[in-house]
């Protein structure tokens, strides 16, 4: 699955492991913010998920297999 770094990929991997999956982070990439994140900038800043000058998002590729 492709996961936003803003959502806490490590927590997702841990949850998958607790529910019977073998999961790990396979790759990451930094990409410019698209229109959705730009439209939510103020909220992301208030939540502490983004800094004022931030313009890139980390995408995380998680591979999971049911054990």
C-alpha atoms as a PDB file:
ATOM      1  CA  UNK A   1       0.000   0.000   0.000  1.00  0.00           C
ATOM      2  CA  UNK A   2       1.125   3.567  -0.540  1.00  0.00           C
ATOM      3  CA  UNK A   3       0.882   5.528   2.671  1.00  0.00           C
ATOM      4  CA  UNK A   4       1.418   9.193   3.476  1.00  0.00           C
ATOM      5  CA  UNK A   5       4.239   9.834   5.892  1.00  0.00           C
ATOM      6  CA  UNK A   6       1.880  12.292   7.604  1.00  0.00           C
ATOM      7  CA  UNK A   7      -0.232   9.354   8.782  1.00  0.00           C
ATOM      8  CA  UNK A   8       2.469   7.497  10.708  1.00  0.00           C
ATOM      9  CA  UNK A   9       3.612   4.565   8.594  1.00  0.00           C
ATOM     10  CA  UNK A  10       5.331   2.889  11.558  1.00  0.00           C
ATOM     11  CA  UNK A  11       1.998   2.778  13.412  1.00  0.00           C
ATOM     12  CA  UNK A  12       0.385   1.169  10.361  1.00  0.00           C
ATOM     13  CA  UNK A  13       3.132  -1.474  10.154  1.00  0.00           C
ATOM     14  CA  UNK A  14       2.711  -2.217  13.883  1.00  0.00           C
ATOM     15  CA  UNK A  15      -1.079  -2.504  13.508  1.00  0.00           C
ATOM     16  CA  UNK A  16      -0.700  -4.870  10.568  1.00  0.00           C
ATOM     17  CA  UNK A  17       1.687  -7.022  12.631  1.00  0.00           C
ATOM     18  CA  UNK A  18      -0.829  -7.158  15.519  1.00  0.00           C
ATOM     19  CA  UNK A  19      -3.533  -8.357  13.129  1.00  0.00           C
ATOM     20  CA  UNK A  20      -1.616 -11.265  11.616  1.00  0.00           C
ATOM     21  CA  UNK A  21       0.354  -9.657   8.803  1.00  0.00           C
ATOM     22  CA  UNK A  22       4.057  -9.629   8.126  1.00  0.00           C
ATOM     23  CA  UNK A  23       4.644  -5.987   7.115  1.00  0.00           C
ATOM     24  CA  UNK A  24       7.555  -3.697   6.425  1.00  0.00           C
ATOM     25  CA  UNK A  25       8.404  -0.427   4.742  1.00  0.00           C
ATOM     26  CA  UNK A  26       9.808  -1.181   1.281  1.00  0.00           C
ATOM     27  CA  UNK A  27      10.565   2.309  -0.051  1.00  0.00           C
ATOM     28  CA  UNK A  28       9.986   6.016   0.495  1.00  0.00           C
ATOM     29  CA  UNK A  29       9.832   9.015  -1.815  1.00  0.00           C
ATOM     30  CA  UNK A  30       9.438  12.739  -1.338  1.00  0.00           C
ATOM     31  CA  UNK A  31       6.866  14.386  -3.618  1.00  0.00           C
ATOM     32  CA  UNK A  32       5.507  17.939  -3.863  1.00  0.00           C
ATOM     33  CA  UNK A  33       2.224  18.591  -2.121  1.00  0.00           C
ATOM     34  CA  UNK A  34      -0.775  18.200  -4.375  1.00  0.00           C
ATOM     35  CA  UNK A  35      -3.976  20.238  -4.305  1.00  0.00           C
ATOM     36  CA  UNK A  36      -5.548  18.304  -1.420  1.00  0.00           C
ATOM     37  CA  UNK A  37      -2.696  18.889   1.027  1.00  0.00           C
ATOM     38  CA  UNK A  38      -2.276  22.495  -0.088  1.00  0.00           C
ATOM     39  CA  UNK A  39      -5.966  23.121   0.574  1.00  0.00           C
ATOM     40  CA  UNK A  40      -5.560  21.730   4.105  1.00  0.00           C
ATOM     41  CA  UNK A  41      -2.301  23.513   4.964  1.00  0.00           C
ATOM     42  CA  UNK A  42      -3.713  25.586   7.849  1.00  0.00           C
ATOM     43  CA  UNK A  43      -5.252  22.517   9.503  1.00  0.00           C
ATOM     44  CA  UNK A  44      -2.051  20.463   9.056  1.00  0.00           C
ATOM     45  CA  UNK A  45      -0.018  23.254  10.648  1.00  0.00           C
ATOM     46  CA  UNK A  46      -2.455  23.557  13.587  1.00  0.00           C
ATOM     47  CA  UNK A  47      -2.206  19.799  14.158  1.00  0.00           C
ATOM     48  CA  UNK A  48       1.590  19.941  14.140  1.00  0.00           C
ATOM     49  CA  UNK A  49       1.752  17.706  11.064  1.00  0.00           C
ATOM     50  CA  UNK A  50       3.384  20.284   8.796  1.00  0.00           C
ATOM     51  CA  UNK A  51       5.666  23.243   9.153  1.00  0.00           C
ATOM     52  CA  UNK A  52       4.966  26.671   7.699  1.00  0.00           C
ATOM     53  CA  UNK A  53       7.441  26.291   4.815  1.00  0.00           C
ATOM     54  CA  UNK A  54       6.793  22.592   4.141  1.00  0.00           C
ATOM     55  CA  UNK A  55       5.928  21.763   0.533  1.00  0.00           C
ATOM     56  CA  UNK A  56       6.830  18.070   0.193  1.00  0.00           C
ATOM     57  CA  UNK A  57       5.203  14.923   1.490  1.00  0.00           C
ATOM     58  CA  UNK A  58       6.883  11.615   2.148  1.00  0.00           C
ATOM     59  CA  UNK A  59       5.156   8.676   0.478  1.00  0.00           C
ATOM     60  CA  UNK A  60       5.817   5.283   2.029  1.00  0.00           C
ATOM     61  CA  UNK A  61       5.398   1.936   0.310  1.00  0.00           C
ATOM     62  CA  UNK A  62       4.306  -0.736   2.801  1.00  0.00           C
ATOM     63  CA  UNK A  63       4.343  -4.380   1.798  1.00  0.00           C
ATOM     64  CA  UNK A  64       2.196  -6.740   3.867  1.00  0.00           C
ATOM     65  CA  UNK A  65       1.428 -10.448   3.626  1.00  0.00           C
ATOM     66  CA  UNK A  66      -0.966 -12.398   5.768  1.00  0.00           C
ATOM     67  CA  UNK A  67       0.981 -14.830   7.933  1.00  0.00           C
END
